[in-house]
């Protein structure tokens, strides 16, 4: 069987350029998602704190503590990643905006 016929090759690749508007919109979306995940993390941690484990078995207590820590940690990691992406996109948007403004000033002179 010939593999060339299975996947069509496209020669024209469209390159999407970054614009300040796209960066600021992406930063707003990512920041909103980061805040939502942060609020979820607070709700999960509060729920875990108000409902202690009722067991006398030390293994059950240790495993449940590890699982609770892991769940809160993963959600906190997601919140942190969304927040860092939002900050990076915001900085990129400012950088592109400054570059456009300085390019316009230098072309006017």
N, C-alpha and C. Protein backbone atom coordinates (compact mmCIF):
# COMPACT_ATOMS: atom_id res chain seq x y z
N UNK A 1 0.84 -1.16 0.00
CA UNK A 1 0.00 0.00 0.00
C UNK A 1 0.89 1.24 0.00
N UNK A 2 0.47 2.25 -0.69
CA UNK A 2 1.27 3.45 -0.84
C UNK A 2 0.84 4.48 0.21
N UNK A 3 1.78 4.91 1.07
CA UNK A 3 1.46 5.85 2.15
C UNK A 3 1.23 7.27 1.64
N UNK A 4 1.68 7.59 0.46
CA UNK A 4 1.52 8.95 -0.06
C UNK A 4 0.05 9.27 -0.35
N UNK A 5 -0.74 8.26 -0.65
CA UNK A 5 -2.14 8.49 -0.97
C UNK A 5 -3.03 8.61 0.26
N UNK A 6 -2.52 8.22 1.43
CA UNK A 6 -3.34 8.24 2.63
C UNK A 6 -3.51 9.66 3.20
N UNK A 7 -2.45 10.43 3.21
CA UNK A 7 -2.50 11.77 3.79
C UNK A 7 -2.25 12.80 2.70
N UNK A 8 -3.22 13.67 2.44
CA UNK A 8 -2.98 14.69 1.43
C UNK A 8 -1.99 15.74 1.94
N UNK A 9 -1.07 16.10 1.10
CA UNK A 9 -0.06 17.08 1.45
C UNK A 9 -0.55 18.48 1.06
N UNK A 10 -0.41 19.41 1.97
CA UNK A 10 -0.76 20.79 1.67
C UNK A 10 0.51 21.61 1.71
N UNK A 11 0.74 22.34 0.63
CA UNK A 11 1.94 23.15 0.53
C UNK A 11 1.74 24.53 1.15
N UNK A 12 0.53 25.03 1.10
CA UNK A 12 0.27 26.37 1.60
C UNK A 12 -0.02 26.30 3.11
N UNK A 13 0.90 26.85 3.89
CA UNK A 13 0.70 26.91 5.33
C UNK A 13 0.44 28.35 5.70
N UNK A 14 -0.69 28.56 6.36
CA UNK A 14 -1.04 29.90 6.79
C UNK A 14 -0.44 30.17 8.15
N UNK A 15 0.35 31.23 8.23
CA UNK A 15 0.98 31.62 9.49
C UNK A 15 0.14 32.72 10.12
N UNK A 16 -0.34 32.46 11.31
CA UNK A 16 -1.15 33.44 12.02
C UNK A 16 -0.19 34.29 12.86
N UNK A 17 -0.21 35.59 12.64
CA UNK A 17 0.68 36.46 13.40
C UNK A 17 0.01 36.90 14.69
N UNK A 18 0.84 37.16 15.66
CA UNK A 18 0.33 37.61 16.96
C UNK A 18 0.02 39.10 16.89
N UNK A 19 -1.10 39.46 17.45
CA UNK A 19 -1.47 40.87 17.54
C UNK A 19 -1.76 41.19 19.00
N UNK A 20 -1.65 42.46 19.36
CA UNK A 20 -1.95 42.81 20.76
C UNK A 20 -3.37 42.44 21.18
N UNK A 21 -4.32 42.59 20.27
CA UNK A 21 -5.70 42.25 20.60
C UNK A 21 -5.85 40.76 20.90
N UNK A 22 -5.23 39.93 20.07
CA UNK A 22 -5.28 38.48 20.32
C UNK A 22 -4.62 38.12 21.64
N UNK A 23 -3.50 38.77 21.93
CA UNK A 23 -2.79 38.49 23.18
C UNK A 23 -3.62 38.90 24.39
N UNK A 24 -4.22 40.09 24.34
CA UNK A 24 -5.01 40.55 25.47
C UNK A 24 -6.27 39.71 25.64
N UNK A 25 -6.88 39.28 24.54
CA UNK A 25 -8.05 38.42 24.62
C UNK A 25 -7.67 37.06 25.21
N UNK A 26 -6.56 36.51 24.76
CA UNK A 26 -6.09 35.24 25.31
C UNK A 26 -5.73 35.35 26.78
N UNK A 27 -5.13 36.48 27.16
CA UNK A 27 -4.78 36.70 28.56
C UNK A 27 -6.04 36.80 29.42
N UNK A 28 -7.07 37.45 28.89
CA UNK A 28 -8.33 37.56 29.65
C UNK A 28 -8.98 36.19 29.82
N UNK A 29 -8.98 35.39 28.77
CA UNK A 29 -9.57 34.05 28.84
C UNK A 29 -8.79 33.18 29.81
N UNK A 30 -7.47 33.20 29.68
CA UNK A 30 -6.63 32.38 30.56
C UNK A 30 -6.71 32.85 32.01
N UNK A 31 -6.75 34.16 32.20
CA UNK A 31 -6.89 34.67 33.57
C UNK A 31 -8.23 34.29 34.18
N UNK A 32 -9.28 34.34 33.37
CA UNK A 32 -10.60 33.92 33.87
C UNK A 32 -10.63 32.45 34.23
N UNK A 33 -10.00 31.63 33.39
CA UNK A 33 -9.95 30.20 33.71
C UNK A 33 -9.09 29.95 34.94
N UNK A 34 -7.99 30.69 35.06
CA UNK A 34 -7.15 30.55 36.25
C UNK A 34 -7.89 30.91 37.52
N UNK A 35 -8.68 31.99 37.46
CA UNK A 35 -9.47 32.38 38.63
C UNK A 35 -10.54 31.34 38.94
N UNK A 36 -11.15 30.78 37.90
CA UNK A 36 -12.18 29.75 38.11
C UNK A 36 -11.58 28.50 38.75
N UNK A 37 -10.41 28.10 38.28
CA UNK A 37 -9.77 26.91 38.85
C UNK A 37 -9.29 27.19 40.27
N UNK A 38 -8.85 28.43 40.53
CA UNK A 38 -8.45 28.81 41.88
C UNK A 38 -9.66 28.75 42.83
N UNK A 39 -10.80 29.25 42.38
CA UNK A 39 -12.01 29.19 43.20
C UNK A 39 -12.43 27.75 43.45
N UNK A 40 -12.27 26.90 42.44
CA UNK A 40 -12.55 25.48 42.62
C UNK A 40 -11.61 24.86 43.64
N UNK A 41 -10.34 25.25 43.60
CA UNK A 41 -9.38 24.72 44.56
C UNK A 41 -9.75 25.12 45.99
N UNK A 42 -10.15 26.36 46.17
CA UNK A 42 -10.56 26.81 47.51
C UNK A 42 -11.78 26.04 47.98
N UNK A 43 -12.73 25.80 47.08
CA UNK A 43 -13.93 25.05 47.45
C UNK A 43 -13.58 23.60 47.82
N UNK A 44 -12.69 23.00 47.06
CA UNK A 44 -12.29 21.61 47.35
C UNK A 44 -11.56 21.55 48.69
N UNK A 45 -10.63 22.47 48.93
CA UNK A 45 -9.87 22.45 50.18
C UNK A 45 -10.80 22.70 51.38
N UNK A 46 -11.76 23.60 51.22
CA UNK A 46 -12.72 23.86 52.30
C UNK A 46 -13.58 22.63 52.57
N UNK A 47 -14.00 21.97 51.50
CA UNK A 47 -14.81 20.77 51.65
C UNK A 47 -14.02 19.67 52.36
N UNK A 48 -12.76 19.50 51.98
CA UNK A 48 -11.93 18.49 52.65
C UNK A 48 -11.70 18.84 54.12
N UNK A 49 -11.55 20.13 54.42
CA UNK A 49 -11.29 20.54 55.81
C UNK A 49 -12.51 20.36 56.69
N UNK A 50 -13.70 20.54 56.13
CA UNK A 50 -14.91 20.42 56.95
C UNK A 50 -15.37 18.98 57.12
N UNK A 51 -14.86 18.08 56.31
CA UNK A 51 -15.27 16.68 56.41
C UNK A 51 -14.05 15.81 56.69
N UNK A 52 -13.69 15.63 57.96
CA UNK A 52 -12.52 14.80 58.28
C UNK A 52 -12.80 13.32 58.04
N UNK A 53 -11.73 12.58 57.95
CA UNK A 53 -11.84 11.13 57.74
C UNK A 53 -12.15 10.47 59.09
N UNK A 54 -13.17 9.63 59.10
CA UNK A 54 -13.57 8.94 60.32
C UNK A 54 -13.11 7.49 60.23
N UNK A 55 -11.90 7.27 60.70
CA UNK A 55 -11.37 5.91 60.69
C UNK A 55 -10.32 5.80 61.79
N UNK A 56 -10.20 4.62 62.34
CA UNK A 56 -9.15 4.38 63.33
C UNK A 56 -7.96 3.66 62.71
N UNK A 57 -8.12 3.26 61.45
CA UNK A 57 -7.04 2.58 60.76
C UNK A 57 -6.02 3.62 60.27
N UNK A 58 -4.77 3.53 60.73
CA UNK A 58 -3.78 4.53 60.34
C UNK A 58 -3.47 4.52 58.84
N UNK A 59 -3.57 3.37 58.20
CA UNK A 59 -3.31 3.29 56.77
C UNK A 59 -4.37 4.06 55.98
N UNK A 60 -5.60 3.94 56.39
CA UNK A 60 -6.70 4.65 55.73
C UNK A 60 -6.51 6.16 55.89
N UNK A 61 -6.13 6.59 57.07
CA UNK A 61 -5.93 8.02 57.33
C UNK A 61 -4.78 8.55 56.47
N UNK A 62 -3.68 7.80 56.38
CA UNK A 62 -2.53 8.25 55.59
C UNK A 62 -2.85 8.29 54.10
N UNK A 63 -3.54 7.28 53.60
CA UNK A 63 -3.88 7.25 52.18
C UNK A 63 -4.88 8.36 51.84
N UNK A 64 -5.86 8.57 52.68
CA UNK A 64 -6.83 9.63 52.41
C UNK A 64 -6.18 11.01 52.49
N UNK A 65 -5.25 11.18 53.38
CA UNK A 65 -4.52 12.45 53.47
C UNK A 65 -3.68 12.67 52.21
N UNK A 66 -3.04 11.61 51.74
CA UNK A 66 -2.23 11.72 50.52
C UNK A 66 -3.10 12.03 49.30
N UNK A 67 -4.24 11.39 49.21
CA UNK A 67 -5.13 11.63 48.07
C UNK A 67 -5.69 13.05 48.11
N UNK A 68 -6.07 13.50 49.27
CA UNK A 68 -6.59 14.87 49.40
C UNK A 68 -5.52 15.89 49.03
N UNK A 69 -4.29 15.67 49.49
CA UNK A 69 -3.20 16.56 49.15
C UNK A 69 -2.92 16.55 47.66
N UNK A 70 -2.98 15.38 47.06
CA UNK A 70 -2.75 15.25 45.63
C UNK A 70 -3.83 15.97 44.82
N UNK A 71 -5.07 15.83 45.22
CA UNK A 71 -6.16 16.48 44.50
C UNK A 71 -6.03 18.01 44.57
N UNK A 72 -5.79 18.53 45.76
CA UNK A 72 -5.64 19.98 45.91
C UNK A 72 -4.39 20.46 45.17
N UNK A 73 -3.33 19.68 45.20
CA UNK A 73 -2.10 20.06 44.52
C UNK A 73 -2.25 20.10 43.01
N UNK A 74 -2.96 19.15 42.44
CA UNK A 74 -3.15 19.13 40.98
C UNK A 74 -4.02 20.32 40.55
N UNK A 75 -5.04 20.61 41.31
CA UNK A 75 -5.90 21.76 40.97
C UNK A 75 -5.11 23.07 41.14
N UNK A 76 -4.27 23.15 42.15
CA UNK A 76 -3.44 24.34 42.35
C UNK A 76 -2.42 24.48 41.20
N UNK A 77 -1.90 23.38 40.73
CA UNK A 77 -0.98 23.41 39.59
C UNK A 77 -1.68 23.94 38.34
N UNK A 78 -2.89 23.48 38.11
CA UNK A 78 -3.66 23.98 36.97
C UNK A 78 -3.94 25.46 37.09
N UNK A 79 -4.27 25.92 38.27
CA UNK A 79 -4.51 27.35 38.50
C UNK A 79 -3.25 28.16 38.25
N UNK A 80 -2.13 27.66 38.72
CA UNK A 80 -0.86 28.35 38.51
C UNK A 80 -0.47 28.42 37.05
N UNK A 81 -0.69 27.35 36.31
CA UNK A 81 -0.34 27.34 34.89
C UNK A 81 -1.18 28.33 34.12
N UNK A 82 -2.48 28.35 34.37
CA UNK A 82 -3.34 29.32 33.69
C UNK A 82 -2.94 30.74 34.03
N UNK A 83 -2.57 30.99 35.28
CA UNK A 83 -2.17 32.34 35.68
C UNK A 83 -0.86 32.76 35.03
N UNK A 84 0.10 31.85 34.95
CA UNK A 84 1.38 32.17 34.31
C UNK A 84 1.18 32.42 32.82
N UNK A 85 0.33 31.64 32.18
CA UNK A 85 0.03 31.88 30.76
C UNK A 85 -0.62 33.24 30.56
N UNK A 86 -1.52 33.61 31.46
CA UNK A 86 -2.18 34.92 31.36
C UNK A 86 -1.16 36.05 31.50
N UNK A 87 -0.24 35.92 32.43
CA UNK A 87 0.79 36.95 32.62
C UNK A 87 1.70 37.02 31.39
N UNK A 88 2.06 35.86 30.84
CA UNK A 88 2.91 35.84 29.65
C UNK A 88 2.23 36.46 28.44
N UNK A 89 0.96 36.14 28.24
CA UNK A 89 0.24 36.73 27.11
C UNK A 89 0.04 38.23 27.30
N UNK A 90 -0.18 38.66 28.52
CA UNK A 90 -0.31 40.09 28.78
C UNK A 90 1.00 40.80 28.48
N UNK A 91 2.12 40.22 28.90
CA UNK A 91 3.42 40.82 28.62
C UNK A 91 3.72 40.84 27.12
N UNK A 92 3.35 39.77 26.41
CA UNK A 92 3.56 39.74 24.97
C UNK A 92 2.71 40.79 24.27
N UNK A 93 1.48 40.97 24.73
CA UNK A 93 0.62 42.00 24.16
C UNK A 93 1.19 43.39 24.36
N UNK A 94 1.71 43.67 25.54
CA UNK A 94 2.33 44.97 25.81
C UNK A 94 3.56 45.15 24.94
N UNK A 95 4.36 44.11 24.80
CA UNK A 95 5.56 44.18 23.96
C UNK A 95 5.21 44.46 22.50
N UNK A 96 4.22 43.77 21.98
CA UNK A 96 3.80 44.01 20.59
C UNK A 96 3.23 45.40 20.41
N UNK A 97 2.50 45.88 21.40
CA UNK A 97 1.93 47.22 21.33
C UNK A 97 3.03 48.28 21.33
N UNK A 98 4.04 48.09 22.18
CA UNK A 98 5.15 49.04 22.22
C UNK A 98 5.93 48.99 20.91
N UNK A 99 6.13 47.81 20.36
CA UNK A 99 6.84 47.70 19.08
C UNK A 99 6.08 48.40 17.97
N UNK A 100 4.78 48.27 17.94
CA UNK A 100 3.98 48.95 16.91
C UNK A 100 4.05 50.46 17.07
N UNK A 101 3.97 50.93 18.31
CA UNK A 101 4.01 52.38 18.54
C UNK A 101 5.38 52.96 18.19
N UNK A 102 6.46 52.26 18.54
CA UNK A 102 7.79 52.77 18.20
C UNK A 102 8.05 52.68 16.71
N UNK A 103 7.51 51.67 16.05
CA UNK A 103 7.68 51.55 14.60
C UNK A 103 6.94 52.68 13.88
N UNK A 104 5.75 53.04 14.38
CA UNK A 104 5.01 54.14 13.77
C UNK A 104 5.72 55.47 13.99
N UNK A 105 6.30 55.68 15.15
CA UNK A 105 7.02 56.92 15.42
C UNK A 105 8.27 57.02 14.57
N UNK A 106 8.98 55.89 14.39
CA UNK A 106 10.21 55.95 13.60
C UNK A 106 9.90 56.11 12.10
N UNK A 107 8.75 55.61 11.64
CA UNK A 107 8.40 55.78 10.23
C UNK A 107 7.90 57.19 9.95
N UNK A 108 7.36 57.89 10.96
CA UNK A 108 6.91 59.27 10.78
C UNK A 108 8.07 60.22 10.68
N UNK A 109 9.18 59.94 11.37
CA UNK A 109 10.34 60.85 11.38
C UNK A 109 11.16 60.71 10.16
